[in-house]
Amino acid sequence: QLVESGGGLVQAGGSLRLSCAASGRTFSIYAMGWFRQAPGKER
């Protein structure tokens, strides 16, 4: 299971830090990362 946090509203030029916590059979994970999807666009 993966749970993201840290999103929000920020002004251009600002910063955010996203976190993703994994639980369950975490020993089976060999890589982690991020995708994004803008409105009306592909992931």
PDB file of all heavy atoms in Angstrom:
ATOM      1  N   GLN A   1       0.844  -1.184   0.000  1.00  0.00           N
ATOM      2  CA  GLN A   1       0.000   0.000   0.000  1.00  0.00           C
ATOM      3  C   GLN A   1       0.884   1.240   0.000  1.00  0.00           C
ATOM      4  O   GLN A   1       1.895   1.293   0.703  1.00  0.00           O
ATOM      5  CB  GLN A   1      -0.920   0.023   1.215  1.00  0.00           C
ATOM      6  CG  GLN A   1      -1.924  -1.122   1.267  1.00  0.00           C
ATOM      7  CD  GLN A   1      -1.307  -2.403   1.799  1.00  0.00           C
ATOM      8  OE1 GLN A   1      -0.562  -2.406   2.771  1.00  0.00           O
ATOM      9  NE2 GLN A   1      -1.628  -3.514   1.145  1.00  0.00           N
ATOM     10  N   LEU A   2       0.499   2.246  -0.782  1.00  0.00           N
ATOM     11  CA  LEU A   2       1.235   3.488  -0.896  1.00  0.00           C
ATOM     12  C   LEU A   2       0.323   4.649  -0.526  1.00  0.00           C
ATOM     13  O   LEU A   2      -0.809   4.723  -1.015  1.00  0.00           O
ATOM     14  CB  LEU A   2       1.760   3.692  -2.317  1.00  0.00           C
ATOM     15  CG  LEU A   2       2.631   2.578  -2.896  1.00  0.00           C
ATOM     16  CD1 LEU A   2       2.971   2.891  -4.346  1.00  0.00           C
ATOM     17  CD2 LEU A   2       3.908   2.413  -2.084  1.00  0.00           C
ATOM     18  N   VAL A   3       0.811   5.559   0.313  1.00  0.00           N
ATOM     19  CA  VAL A   3       0.039   6.715   0.739  1.00  0.00           C
ATOM     20  C   VAL A   3       0.869   7.968   0.536  1.00  0.00           C
ATOM     21  O   VAL A   3       1.935   8.114   1.132  1.00  0.00           O
ATOM     22  CB  VAL A   3      -0.399   6.604   2.210  1.00  0.00           C
ATOM     23  CG1 VAL A   3      -1.188   7.839   2.619  1.00  0.00           C
ATOM     24  CG2 VAL A   3      -1.238   5.352   2.426  1.00  0.00           C
ATOM     25  N   GLU A   4       0.367   8.887  -0.304  1.00  0.00           N
ATOM     26  CA  GLU A   4       1.048  10.148  -0.568  1.00  0.00           C
ATOM     27  C   GLU A   4       0.575  11.228   0.398  1.00  0.00           C
ATOM     28  O   GLU A   4      -0.558  11.188   0.887  1.00  0.00           O
ATOM     29  CB  GLU A   4       0.789  10.631  -2.002  1.00  0.00           C
ATOM     30  CG  GLU A   4       1.166   9.642  -3.085  1.00  0.00           C
ATOM     31  CD  GLU A   4      -0.035   8.894  -3.610  1.00  0.00           C
ATOM     32  OE1 GLU A   4      -1.013   8.710  -2.857  1.00  0.00           O
ATOM     33  OE2 GLU A   4       0.002   8.481  -4.794  1.00  0.00           O
ATOM     34  N   SER A   5       1.439  12.205   0.624  1.00  0.00           N
ATOM     35  CA  SER A   5       1.077  13.376   1.409  1.00  0.00           C
ATOM     36  C   SER A   5       1.962  14.537   0.988  1.00  0.00           C
ATOM     37  O   SER A   5       2.983  14.347   0.333  1.00  0.00           O
ATOM     38  CB  SER A   5       1.216  13.118   2.912  1.00  0.00           C
ATOM     39  OG  SER A   5       2.560  12.817   3.254  1.00  0.00           O
ATOM     40  N   GLY A   6       1.570  15.749   1.365  1.00  0.00           N
ATOM     41  CA  GLY A   6       2.390  16.924   1.129  1.00  0.00           C
ATOM     42  C   GLY A   6       1.929  17.833   0.010  1.00  0.00           C
ATOM     43  O   GLY A   6       2.523  18.900  -0.194  1.00  0.00           O
ATOM     44  N   GLY A   7       0.899  17.449  -0.719  1.00  0.00           N
ATOM     45  CA  GLY A   7       0.400  18.302  -1.778  1.00  0.00           C
ATOM     46  C   GLY A   7      -0.288  19.534  -1.226  1.00  0.00           C
ATOM     47  O   GLY A   7      -0.592  19.626  -0.039  1.00  0.00           O
ATOM     48  N   GLY A   8      -0.533  20.494  -2.105  1.00  0.00           N
ATOM     49  CA  GLY A   8      -1.197  21.710  -1.685  1.00  0.00           C
ATOM     50  C   GLY A   8      -1.108  22.790  -2.732  1.00  0.00           C
ATOM     51  O   GLY A   8      -0.787  22.536  -3.893  1.00  0.00           O
ATOM     52  N   LEU A   9      -1.404  24.012  -2.314  1.00  0.00           N
ATOM     53  CA  LEU A   9      -1.394  25.186  -3.175  1.00  0.00           C
ATOM     54  C   LEU A   9      -0.159  26.023  -2.873  1.00  0.00           C
ATOM     55  O   LEU A   9       0.129  26.319  -1.709  1.00  0.00           O
ATOM     56  CB  LEU A   9      -2.660  26.015  -2.952  1.00  0.00           C
ATOM     57  CG  LEU A   9      -2.764  27.348  -3.680  1.00  0.00           C
ATOM     58  CD1 LEU A   9      -2.808  27.132  -5.187  1.00  0.00           C
ATOM     59  CD2 LEU A   9      -3.989  28.104  -3.204  1.00  0.00           C
ATOM     60  N   VAL A  10       0.559  26.414  -3.924  1.00  0.00           N
ATOM     61  CA  VAL A  10       1.773  27.201  -3.755  1.00  0.00           C
ATOM     62  C   VAL A  10       1.903  28.175  -4.917  1.00  0.00           C
ATOM     63  O   VAL A  10       1.417  27.912  -6.021  1.00  0.00           O
ATOM     64  CB  VAL A  10       3.012  26.280  -3.667  1.00  0.00           C
ATOM     65  CG1 VAL A  10       3.242  25.554  -4.985  1.00  0.00           C
ATOM     66  CG2 VAL A  10       4.253  27.051  -3.243  1.00  0.00           C
ATOM     67  N   GLN A  11       2.537  29.310  -4.672  1.00  0.00           N
ATOM     68  CA  GLN A  11       2.785  30.283  -5.732  1.00  0.00           C
ATOM     69  C   GLN A  11       3.934  29.835  -6.622  1.00  0.00           C
ATOM     70  O   GLN A  11       4.814  29.089  -6.204  1.00  0.00           O
ATOM     71  CB  GLN A  11       3.124  31.648  -5.142  1.00  0.00           C
ATOM     72  CG  GLN A  11       1.947  32.430  -4.610  1.00  0.00           C
ATOM     73  CD  GLN A  11       2.336  33.839  -4.232  1.00  0.00           C
ATOM     74  OE1 GLN A  11       3.129  34.050  -3.318  1.00  0.00           O
ATOM     75  NE2 GLN A  11       1.795  34.811  -4.948  1.00  0.00           N
ATOM     76  N   ALA A  12       3.912  30.298  -7.865  1.00  0.00           N
ATOM     77  CA  ALA A  12       5.014  30.027  -8.774  1.00  0.00           C
ATOM     78  C   ALA A  12       6.332  30.479  -8.156  1.00  0.00           C
ATOM     79  O   ALA A  12       6.416  31.556  -7.562  1.00  0.00           O
ATOM     80  CB  ALA A  12       4.786  30.724 -10.105  1.00  0.00           C
ATOM     81  N   GLY A  13       7.351  29.634  -8.291  1.00  0.00           N
ATOM     82  CA  GLY A  13       8.641  29.894  -7.682  1.00  0.00           C
ATOM     83  C   GLY A  13       8.799  29.299  -6.302  1.00  0.00           C
ATOM     84  O   GLY A  13       9.917  29.267  -5.773  1.00  0.00           O
ATOM     85  N   GLY A  14       7.725  28.816  -5.718  1.00  0.00           N
ATOM     86  CA  GLY A  14       7.765  28.236  -4.394  1.00  0.00           C
ATOM     87  C   GLY A  14       8.162  26.773  -4.411  1.00  0.00           C
ATOM     88  O   GLY A  14       8.519  26.216  -5.450  1.00  0.00           O
ATOM     89  N   SER A  15       8.066  26.148  -3.232  1.00  0.00           N
ATOM     90  CA  SER A  15       8.511  24.771  -3.061  1.00  0.00           C
ATOM     91  C   SER A  15       7.482  23.946  -2.307  1.00  0.00           C
ATOM     92  O   SER A  15       6.710  24.470  -1.498  1.00  0.00           O
ATOM     93  CB  SER A  15       9.837  24.717  -2.286  1.00  0.00           C
ATOM     94  OG  SER A  15      10.870  25.394  -2.965  1.00  0.00           O
ATOM     95  N   LEU A  16       7.484  22.660  -2.584  1.00  0.00           N
ATOM     96  CA  LEU A  16       6.710  21.681  -1.849  1.00  0.00           C
ATOM     97  C   LEU A  16       7.530  20.409  -1.731  1.00  0.00           C
ATOM     98  O   LEU A  16       8.356  20.125  -2.593  1.00  0.00           O
ATOM     99  CB  LEU A  16       5.390  21.347  -2.548  1.00  0.00           C
ATOM    100  CG  LEU A  16       4.242  22.346  -2.481  1.00  0.00           C
ATOM    101  CD1 LEU A  16       3.106  21.877  -3.386  1.00  0.00           C
ATOM    102  CD2 LEU A  16       3.746  22.502  -1.052  1.00  0.00           C
ATOM    103  N   ARG A  17       7.284  19.638  -0.680  1.00  0.00           N
ATOM    104  CA  ARG A  17       7.892  18.328  -0.550  1.00  0.00           C
ATOM    105  C   ARG A  17       6.805  17.283  -0.393  1.00  0.00           C
ATOM    106  O   ARG A  17       6.023  17.328   0.558  1.00  0.00           O
ATOM    107  CB  ARG A  17       8.857  18.246   0.636  1.00  0.00           C
ATOM    108  CG  ARG A  17       9.667  16.939   0.627  1.00  0.00           C
ATOM    109  CD  ARG A  17      10.687  16.850   1.729  1.00  0.00           C
ATOM    110  NE  ARG A  17      10.094  16.471   3.004  1.00  0.00           N
ATOM    111  CZ  ARG A  17      10.752  15.845   3.972  1.00  0.00           C
ATOM    112  NH1 ARG A  17      12.039  15.537   3.814  1.00  0.00           N
ATOM    113  NH2 ARG A  17      10.135  15.552   5.108  1.00  0.00           N
ATOM    114  N   LEU A  18       6.760  16.349  -1.326  1.00  0.00           N
ATOM    115  CA  LEU A  18       5.823  15.248  -1.275  1.00  0.00           C
ATOM    116  C   LEU A  18       6.461  14.041  -0.602  1.00  0.00           C
ATOM    117  O   LEU A  18       7.662  13.809  -0.736  1.00  0.00           O
ATOM    118  CB  LEU A  18       5.369  14.846  -2.680  1.00  0.00           C
ATOM    119  CG  LEU A  18       4.781  15.950  -3.565  1.00  0.00           C
ATOM    120  CD1 LEU A  18       4.316  15.353  -4.888  1.00  0.00           C
ATOM    121  CD2 LEU A  18       3.647  16.668  -2.859  1.00  0.00           C
ATOM    122  N   SER A  19       5.650  13.282   0.117  1.00  0.00           N
ATOM    123  CA  SER A  19       6.103  12.058   0.744  1.00  0.00           C
ATOM    124  C   SER A  19       5.223  10.904   0.296  1.00  0.00           C
ATOM    125  O   SER A  19       4.029  11.081   0.053  1.00  0.00           O
ATOM    126  CB  SER A  19       6.046  12.160   2.273  1.00  0.00           C
ATOM    127  OG  SER A  19       6.884  13.183   2.752  1.00  0.00           O
ATOM    128  N   CYS A  20       5.806   9.725   0.204  1.00  0.00           N
ATOM    129  CA  CYS A  20       5.067   8.509  -0.122  1.00  0.00           C
ATOM    130  C   CYS A  20       5.537   7.415   0.818  1.00  0.00           C
ATOM    131  O   CYS A  20       6.698   6.992   0.752  1.00  0.00           O
ATOM    132  CB  CYS A  20       5.287   8.102  -1.578  1.00  0.00           C
ATOM    133  SG  CYS A  20       4.521   6.517  -2.019  1.00  0.00           S
ATOM    134  N   ALA A  21       4.646   6.957   1.680  1.00  0.00           N
ATOM    135  CA  ALA A  21       4.960   5.915   2.642  1.00  0.00           C
ATOM    136  C   ALA A  21       4.402   4.583   2.169  1.00  0.00           C
ATOM    137  O   ALA A  21       3.219   4.483   1.840  1.00  0.00           O
ATOM    138  CB  ALA A  21       4.387   6.266   4.009  1.00  0.00           C
ATOM    139  N   ALA A  22       5.249   3.565   2.147  1.00  0.00           N
ATOM    140  CA  ALA A  22       4.852   2.226   1.736  1.00  0.00           C
ATOM    141  C   ALA A  22       4.653   1.340   2.953  1.00  0.00           C
ATOM    142  O   ALA A  22       5.384   1.441   3.945  1.00  0.00           O
ATOM    143  CB  ALA A  22       5.899   1.607   0.811  1.00  0.00           C
ATOM    144  N   SER A  23       3.671   0.472   2.879  1.00  0.00           N
ATOM    145  CA  SER A  23       3.419  -0.488   3.944  1.00  0.00           C
ATOM    146  C   SER A  23       3.031  -1.828   3.333  1.00  0.00           C
ATOM    147  O   SER A  23       2.793  -1.933   2.138  1.00  0.00           O
ATOM    148  CB  SER A  23       2.326   0.011   4.889  1.00  0.00           C
ATOM    149  OG  SER A  23       1.105   0.209   4.196  1.00  0.00           O
ATOM    150  N   GLY A  24       2.966  -2.853   4.177  1.00  0.00           N
ATOM    151  CA  GLY A  24       2.681  -4.188   3.696  1.00  0.00           C
ATOM    152  C   GLY A  24       3.968  -4.932   3.385  1.00  0.00           C
ATOM    153  O   GLY A  24       4.923  -4.874   4.151  1.00  0.00           O
ATOM    154  N   ARG A  25       4.004  -5.618   2.242  1.00  0.00           N
ATOM    155  CA  ARG A  25       5.163  -6.408   1.838  1.00  0.00           C
ATOM    156  C   ARG A  25       6.208  -5.513   1.169  1.00  0.00           C
ATOM    157  O   ARG A  25       6.513  -5.655  -0.015  1.00  0.00           O
ATOM    158  CB  ARG A  25       4.729  -7.541   0.919  1.00  0.00           C
ATOM    159  CG  ARG A  25       3.744  -8.511   1.583  1.00  0.00           C
ATOM    160  CD  ARG A  25       3.225  -9.537   0.600  1.00  0.00           C
ATOM    161  NE  ARG A  25       4.260 -10.446   0.134  1.00  0.00           N
ATOM    162  CZ  ARG A  25       4.619 -11.571   0.732  1.00  0.00           C
ATOM    163  NH1 ARG A  25       4.010 -11.945   1.855  1.00  0.00           N
ATOM    164  NH2 ARG A  25       5.567 -12.330   0.222  1.00  0.00           N
ATOM    165  N   THR A  26       6.759  -4.600   1.953  1.00  0.00           N
ATOM    166  CA  THR A  26       7.677  -3.601   1.404  1.00  0.00           C
ATOM    167  C   THR A  26       8.989  -4.202   0.912  1.00  0.00           C
ATOM    168  O   THR A  26       9.684  -3.577   0.107  1.00  0.00           O
ATOM    169  CB  THR A  26       7.965  -2.500   2.435  1.00  0.00           C
ATOM    170  OG1 THR A  26       8.494  -3.091   3.623  1.00  0.00           O
ATOM    171  CG2 THR A  26       6.695  -1.741   2.773  1.00  0.00           C
ATOM    172  N   PHE A  27       9.329  -5.405   1.376  1.00  0.00           N
ATOM    173  CA  PHE A  27      10.557  -6.050   0.924  1.00  0.00           C
ATOM    174  C   PHE A  27      10.499  -6.420  -0.554  1.00  0.00           C
ATOM    175  O   PHE A  27      11.530  -6.717  -1.157  1.00  0.00           O
ATOM    176  CB  PHE A  27      10.860  -7.292   1.766  1.00  0.00           C
ATOM    177  CG  PHE A  27       9.721  -8.260   1.855  1.00  0.00           C
ATOM    178  CD1 PHE A  27       9.494  -9.182   0.852  1.00  0.00           C
ATOM    179  CD2 PHE A  27       8.870  -8.241   2.946  1.00  0.00           C
ATOM    180  CE1 PHE A  27       8.441 -10.078   0.928  1.00  0.00           C
ATOM    181  CE2 PHE A  27       7.811  -9.124   3.043  1.00  0.00           C
ATOM    182  CZ  PHE A  27       7.597 -10.049   2.026  1.00  0.00           C
ATOM    183  N   SER A  28       9.307  -6.425  -1.125  1.00  0.00           N
ATOM    184  CA  SER A  28       9.157  -6.744  -2.540  1.00  0.00           C
ATOM    185  C   SER A  28       9.382  -5.551  -3.452  1.00  0.00           C
ATOM    186  O   SER A  28       9.384  -5.702  -4.675  1.00  0.00           O
ATOM    187  CB  SER A  28       7.765  -7.334  -2.810  1.00  0.00           C
ATOM    188  OG  SER A  28       6.756  -6.353  -2.646  1.00  0.00           O
ATOM    189  N   ILE A  29       9.573  -4.360  -2.893  1.00  0.00           N
ATOM    190  CA  ILE A  29       9.748  -3.148  -3.681  1.00  0.00           C
ATOM    191  C   ILE A  29      11.212  -2.972  -4.059  1.00  0.00           C
ATOM    192  O   ILE A  29      12.086  -3.005  -3.198  1.00  0.00           O
ATOM    193  CB  ILE A  29       9.260  -1.911  -2.909  1.00  0.00           C
ATOM    194  CG1 ILE A  29       7.760  -2.014  -2.639  1.00  0.00           C
ATOM    195  CG2 ILE A  29       9.581  -0.636  -3.685  1.00  0.00           C
ATOM    196  CD1 ILE A  29       7.231  -0.920  -1.746  1.00  0.00           C
ATOM    197  N   TYR A  30      11.466  -2.753  -5.338  1.00  0.00           N
ATOM    198  CA  TYR A  30      12.829  -2.525  -5.823  1.00  0.00           C
ATOM    199  C   TYR A  30      13.036  -1.133  -6.406  1.00  0.00           C
ATOM    200  O   TYR A  30      14.177  -0.722  -6.600  1.00  0.00           O
ATOM    201  CB  TYR A  30      13.218  -3.597  -6.833  1.00  0.00           C
ATOM    202  CG  TYR A  30      13.474  -4.920  -6.173  1.00  0.00           C
ATOM    203  CD1 TYR A  30      12.448  -5.830  -5.948  1.00  0.00           C
ATOM    204  CD2 TYR A  30      14.757  -5.256  -5.727  1.00  0.00           C
ATOM    205  CE1 TYR A  30      12.677  -7.028  -5.309  1.00  0.00           C
ATOM    206  CE2 TYR A  30      14.990  -6.455  -5.089  1.00  0.00           C
ATOM    207  CZ  TYR A  30      13.950  -7.343  -4.883  1.00  0.00           C
ATOM    208  OH  TYR A  30      14.193  -8.541  -4.244  1.00  0.00           O
ATOM    209  N   ALA A  31      11.970  -0.419  -6.689  1.00  0.00           N
ATOM    210  CA  ALA A  31      12.070   0.950  -7.158  1.00  0.00           C
ATOM    211  C   ALA A  31      10.794   1.696  -6.793  1.00  0.00           C
ATOM    212  O   ALA A  31       9.708   1.107  -6.747  1.00  0.00           O
ATOM    213  CB  ALA A  31      12.299   1.012  -8.670  1.00  0.00           C
ATOM    214  N   MET A  32      10.933   2.985  -6.519  1.00  0.00           N
ATOM    215  CA  MET A  32       9.788   3.831  -6.248  1.00  0.00           C
ATOM    216  C   MET A  32       9.949   5.138  -7.009  1.00  0.00           C
ATOM    217  O   MET A  32      11.067   5.534  -7.355  1.00  0.00           O
ATOM    218  CB  MET A  32       9.634   4.114  -4.754  1.00  0.00           C
ATOM    219  CG  MET A  32       9.311   2.888  -3.923  1.00  0.00           C
ATOM    220  SD  MET A  32       9.079   3.254  -2.158  1.00  0.00           S
ATOM    221  CE  MET A  32       7.560   4.212  -2.205  1.00  0.00           C
ATOM    222  N   GLY A  33       8.844   5.796  -7.248  1.00  0.00           N
ATOM    223  CA  GLY A  33       8.921   7.058  -7.962  1.00  0.00           C
ATOM    224  C   GLY A  33       7.581   7.742  -8.067  1.00  0.00           C
ATOM    225  O   GLY A  33       6.627   7.396  -7.362  1.00  0.00           O
ATOM    226  N   TRP A  34       7.532   8.733  -8.960  1.00  0.00           N
ATOM    227  CA  TRP A  34       6.373   9.603  -9.080  1.00  0.00           C
ATOM    228  C   TRP A  34       5.959   9.803 -10.522  1.00  0.00           C
ATOM    229  O   TRP A  34       6.803   9.946 -11.421  1.00  0.00           O
ATOM    230  CB  TRP A  34       6.680  10.981  -8.473  1.00  0.00           C
ATOM    231  CG  TRP A  34       6.992  10.942  -7.022  1.00  0.00           C
ATOM    232  CD1 TRP A  34       8.205  10.749  -6.441  1.00  0.00           C
ATOM    233  CD2 TRP A  34       6.057  11.108  -5.951  1.00  0.00           C
ATOM    234  NE1 TRP A  34       8.093  10.778  -5.069  1.00  0.00           N
ATOM    235  CE2 TRP A  34       6.776  11.000  -4.751  1.00  0.00           C
ATOM    236  CE3 TRP A  34       4.679  11.333  -5.892  1.00  0.00           C
ATOM    237  CZ2 TRP A  34       6.163  11.120  -3.503  1.00  0.00           C
ATOM    238  CZ3 TRP A  34       4.077  11.449  -4.659  1.00  0.00           C
ATOM    239  CH2 TRP A  34       4.820  11.342  -3.481  1.00  0.00           C
ATOM    240  N   PHE A  35       4.648   9.808 -10.747  1.00  0.00           N
ATOM    241  CA  PHE A  35       4.022  10.255 -11.974  1.00  0.00           C
ATOM    242  C   PHE A  35       3.122  11.438 -11.636  1.00  0.00           C
ATOM    243  O   PHE A  35       2.807  11.678 -10.470  1.00  0.00           O
ATOM    244  CB  PHE A  35       3.187   9.143 -12.609  1.00  0.00           C
ATOM    245  CG  PHE A  35       3.978   8.143 -13.403  1.00  0.00           C
ATOM    246  CD1 PHE A  35       4.832   7.256 -12.780  1.00  0.00           C
ATOM    247  CD2 PHE A  35       3.850   8.086 -14.779  1.00  0.00           C
ATOM    248  CE1 PHE A  35       5.549   6.329 -13.511  1.00  0.00           C
ATOM    249  CE2 PHE A  35       4.558   7.162 -15.522  1.00  0.00           C
ATOM    250  CZ  PHE A  35       5.413   6.284 -14.888  1.00  0.00           C
ATOM    251  N   ARG A  36       2.708  12.169 -12.659  1.00  0.00           N
ATOM    252  CA  ARG A  36       1.750  13.236 -12.455  1.00  0.00           C
ATOM    253  C   ARG A  36       0.804  13.308 -13.649  1.00  0.00           C
ATOM    254  O   ARG A  36       1.132  12.847 -14.742  1.00  0.00           O
ATOM    255  CB  ARG A  36       2.432  14.593 -12.248  1.00  0.00           C
ATOM    256  CG  ARG A  36       3.134  15.146 -13.483  1.00  0.00           C
ATOM    257  CD  ARG A  36       3.890  16.413 -13.156  1.00  0.00           C
ATOM    258  NE  ARG A  36       4.550  16.976 -14.321  1.00  0.00           N
ATOM    259  CZ  ARG A  36       5.393  18.002 -14.286  1.00  0.00           C
ATOM    260  NH1 ARG A  36       5.675  18.584 -13.118  1.00  0.00           N
ATOM    261  NH2 ARG A  36       5.942  18.451 -15.406  1.00  0.00           N
ATOM    262  N   GLN A  37      -0.367  13.887 -13.410  1.00  0.00           N
ATOM    263  CA  GLN A  37      -1.358  14.037 -14.461  1.00  0.00           C
ATOM    264  C   GLN A  37      -1.988  15.415 -14.356  1.00  0.00           C
ATOM    265  O   GLN A  37      -2.660  15.723 -13.369  1.00  0.00           O
ATOM    266  CB  GLN A  37      -2.426  12.950 -14.375  1.00  0.00           C
ATOM    267  CG  GLN A  37      -3.383  12.941 -15.550  1.00  0.00           C
ATOM    268  CD  GLN A  37      -4.225  11.681 -15.598  1.00  0.00           C
ATOM    269  OE1 GLN A  37      -4.421  11.013 -14.586  1.00  0.00           O
ATOM    270  NE2 GLN A  37      -4.717  11.339 -16.776  1.00  0.00           N
ATOM    271  N   ALA A  38      -1.760  16.228 -15.371  1.00  0.00           N
ATOM    272  CA  ALA A  38      -2.354  17.551 -15.440  1.00  0.00           C
ATOM    273  C   ALA A  38      -3.764  17.450 -16.012  1.00  0.00           C
ATOM    274  O   ALA A  38      -4.090  16.486 -16.715  1.00  0.00           O
ATOM    275  CB  ALA A  38      -1.501  18.469 -16.300  1.00  0.00           C
ATOM    276  N   PRO A  39      -4.622  18.425 -15.737  1.00  0.00           N
ATOM    277  CA  PRO A  39      -5.984  18.389 -16.275  1.00  0.00           C
ATOM    278  C   PRO A  39      -5.985  18.270 -17.794  1.00  0.00           C
ATOM    279  O   PRO A  39      -5.314  19.034 -18.488  1.00  0.00           O
ATOM    280  CB  PRO A  39      -6.576  19.719 -15.820  1.00  0.00           C
ATOM    281  CG  PRO A  39      -5.800  20.079 -14.596  1.00  0.00           C
ATOM    282  CD  PRO A  39      -4.402  19.586 -14.869  1.00  0.00           C
ATOM    283  N   GLY A  40      -6.725  17.295 -18.305  1.00  0.00           N
ATOM    284  CA  GLY A  40      -6.850  17.111 -19.736  1.00  0.00           C
ATOM    285  C   GLY A  40      -5.650  16.496 -20.422  1.00  0.00           C
ATOM    286  O   GLY A  40      -5.630  16.426 -21.658  1.00  0.00           O
ATOM    287  N   LYS A  41      -4.658  16.033 -19.664  1.00  0.00           N
ATOM    288  CA  LYS A  41      -3.454  15.460 -20.248  1.00  0.00           C
ATOM    289  C   LYS A  41      -3.225  14.045 -19.731  1.00  0.00           C
ATOM    290  O   LYS A  41      -3.816  13.621 -18.739  1.00  0.00           O
ATOM    291  CB  LYS A  41      -2.231  16.327 -19.952  1.00  0.00           C
ATOM    292  CG  LYS A  41      -2.361  17.768 -20.416  1.00  0.00           C
ATOM    293  CD  LYS A  41      -1.031  18.476 -20.428  1.00  0.00           C
ATOM    294  CE  LYS A  41      -0.146  17.946 -21.544  1.00  0.00           C
ATOM    295  NZ  LYS A  41       1.131  18.702 -21.652  1.00  0.00           N
ATOM    296  N   GLU A  42      -2.347  13.313 -20.422  1.00  0.00           N
ATOM    297  CA  GLU A  42      -2.013  11.959 -20.014  1.00  0.00           C
ATOM    298  C   GLU A  42      -1.084  11.963 -18.806  1.00  0.00           C
ATOM    299  O   GLU A  42      -0.344  12.916 -18.572  1.00  0.00           O
ATOM    300  CB  GLU A  42      -1.350  11.208 -21.171  1.00  0.00           C
ATOM    301  CG  GLU A  42      -2.234  11.000 -22.382  1.00  0.00           C
ATOM    302  CD  GLU A  42      -1.544  10.221 -23.477  1.00  0.00           C
ATOM    303  OE1 GLU A  42      -0.370   9.843 -23.295  1.00  0.00           O
ATOM    304  OE2 GLU A  42      -2.179   9.982 -24.512  1.00  0.00           O
ATOM    305  N   ARG A  43      -1.131  10.882 -18.059  1.00  0.00           N
ATOM    306  CA  ARG A  43      -0.217  10.725 -16.943  1.00  0.00           C
ATOM    307  C   ARG A  43       1.212  10.600 -17.462  1.00  0.00           C
ATOM    308  O   ARG A  43       1.470   9.887 -18.439  1.00  0.00           O
ATOM    309  CB  ARG A  43      -0.606   9.502 -16.127  1.00  0.00           C
ATOM    310  CG  ARG A  43       0.152   9.360 -14.818  1.00  0.00           C
ATOM    311  CD  ARG A  43      -0.366   8.185 -13.993  1.00  0.00           C
ATOM    312  NE  ARG A  43      -1.770   8.348 -13.625  1.00  0.00           N
ATOM    313  CZ  ARG A  43      -2.412   7.543 -12.797  1.00  0.00           C
ATOM    314  NH1 ARG A  43      -1.785   6.524 -12.234  1.00  0.00           N
ATOM    315  NH2 ARG A  43      -3.697   7.751 -12.523  1.00  0.00           N
TER     316      ARG A  43
END
